[in-house]
Protein backbone atom coordinates (compact mmCIF):
# COMPACT_ATOMS: atom_id res chain seq x y z
CA UNK A 1 -7.99 -5.49 17.65
CA UNK A 2 -4.27 -5.94 16.95
CA UNK A 3 -4.91 -5.73 13.21
CA UNK A 4 -6.65 -2.37 13.68
CA UNK A 5 -3.64 -1.12 15.63
CA UNK A 6 -1.17 -2.15 12.92
CA UNK A 7 -3.36 -0.67 10.17
CA UNK A 8 -4.55 2.57 11.76
CA UNK A 9 -1.71 3.75 14.00
CA UNK A 10 0.87 4.12 11.18
CA UNK A 11 -1.67 6.09 9.15
CA UNK A 12 -2.10 8.68 11.92
CA UNK A 13 1.47 8.67 13.28
CA UNK A 14 3.44 9.14 10.02
CA UNK A 15 4.31 5.46 9.60
CA UNK A 16 5.22 4.81 13.23
CA UNK A 17 3.85 2.29 15.69
CA UNK A 18 4.96 2.54 19.31
CA UNK A 19 7.73 -0.03 18.81
CA UNK A 20 8.86 1.52 15.53
CA UNK A 21 9.03 4.94 17.22
CA UNK A 22 11.21 3.50 19.99
CA UNK A 23 13.50 1.98 17.34
CA UNK A 24 13.37 5.21 15.29
CA UNK A 25 12.10 3.46 12.15
CA UNK A 26 8.93 4.04 10.19
CA UNK A 27 6.98 2.75 7.19
CA UNK A 28 6.81 4.91 4.06
CA UNK A 29 5.66 4.46 0.47
CA UNK A 30 8.29 3.85 -2.19
CA UNK A 31 8.13 7.51 -3.22
CA UNK A 32 8.95 8.54 0.36
CA UNK A 33 5.47 9.82 1.17
CA UNK A 34 3.48 8.87 4.24
CA UNK A 35 1.41 5.70 4.18
CA UNK A 36 -2.36 5.87 3.83
CA UNK A 37 -5.18 3.61 4.93
CA UNK A 38 -5.27 1.57 1.70
CA UNK A 39 -1.50 1.06 1.77
CA UNK A 40 -1.61 -0.24 5.34
CA UNK A 41 -4.57 -2.51 4.57
CA UNK A 42 -2.59 -4.06 1.72
CA UNK A 43 0.55 -4.36 3.86
CA UNK A 44 -1.00 -5.77 7.02
CA UNK A 45 -4.27 -7.46 6.02
CA UNK A 46 -3.36 -8.88 2.61
CA UNK A 47 0.18 -9.68 3.75
CA UNK A 48 -1.13 -11.35 6.92
CA UNK A 49 -3.67 -13.32 4.89
CA UNK A 50 -0.91 -14.55 2.57
CA UNK A 51 1.21 -15.60 5.55
CA UNK A 52 -1.79 -17.43 7.04
CA UNK A 53 -2.89 -19.35 3.93
CA UNK A 54 0.67 -20.56 3.32
CA UNK A 55 0.85 -21.81 6.93
CA UNK A 56 3.72 -19.45 7.69
CA UNK A 57 5.95 -20.50 4.81
CA UNK A 58 5.60 -17.07 3.17
CA UNK A 59 6.47 -15.47 6.52
CA UNK A 60 9.71 -17.44 6.67
CA UNK A 61 10.50 -16.53 3.06
CA UNK A 62 9.75 -12.89 3.90
CA UNK A 63 12.12 -12.99 6.89
CA UNK A 64 14.89 -14.28 4.63
CA UNK A 65 14.08 -11.55 2.10
CA UNK A 66 14.45 -8.86 4.76
CA UNK A 67 17.73 -10.39 5.88
CA UNK A 68 19.22 -10.97 2.44
CA UNK A 69 17.81 -8.34 0.08
CA UNK A 70 19.75 -5.13 -0.36
CA UNK A 71 16.56 -3.04 0.06
CA UNK A 72 15.43 -5.09 3.12
CA UNK A 73 11.83 -5.39 1.84
CA UNK A 74 9.65 -8.34 2.76
CA UNK A 75 6.67 -9.77 0.89
CA UNK A 76 4.27 -7.43 2.71
CA UNK A 77 6.37 -4.45 1.59
CA UNK A 78 6.38 -5.63 -2.01
CA UNK A 79 2.58 -6.07 -1.94
CA UNK A 80 1.97 -2.58 -0.55
CA UNK A 81 4.82 -0.71 -2.23
CA UNK A 82 6.40 0.29 1.08
CA UNK A 83 9.73 0.14 2.88
CA UNK A 84 11.00 0.79 6.39
CA UNK A 85 13.38 3.70 6.93
CA UNK A 86 15.18 5.67 9.62
CA UNK A 87 14.26 8.96 7.89
CA UNK A 88 12.03 11.25 9.91
CA UNK A 89 8.87 12.85 8.52
CA UNK A 90 9.63 15.94 6.46
CA UNK A 91 7.91 18.40 8.81
CA UNK A 92 9.94 17.03 11.76
CA UNK A 93 13.15 17.80 9.88
CA UNK A 94 11.99 21.37 9.29
CA UNK A 95 11.03 21.83 12.95
CA UNK A 96 14.44 20.62 14.15
CA UNK A 97 16.19 23.34 12.10
CA UNK A 98 14.60 26.11 14.16
């Protein structure tokens, strides 16, 4: 059930999960567009599978990557072509100008 949450909720909520919304961060594709179902499957399912088959070693490496890389992307982001940003969805920016 948790995997469905992490795959589906960002697709419908512009890259946000509940925790990401609280922290005002969201997942987007490298071109800045919203994530889709296939992108989130790659990020969460394939990334999670990689972390599992390496007995967590890839997860530790990914944590170091997020901490040390200039772009703050982990292995799951590299697999899916995503990154985490503080930028709001484009239509939210337009609404706030009114």
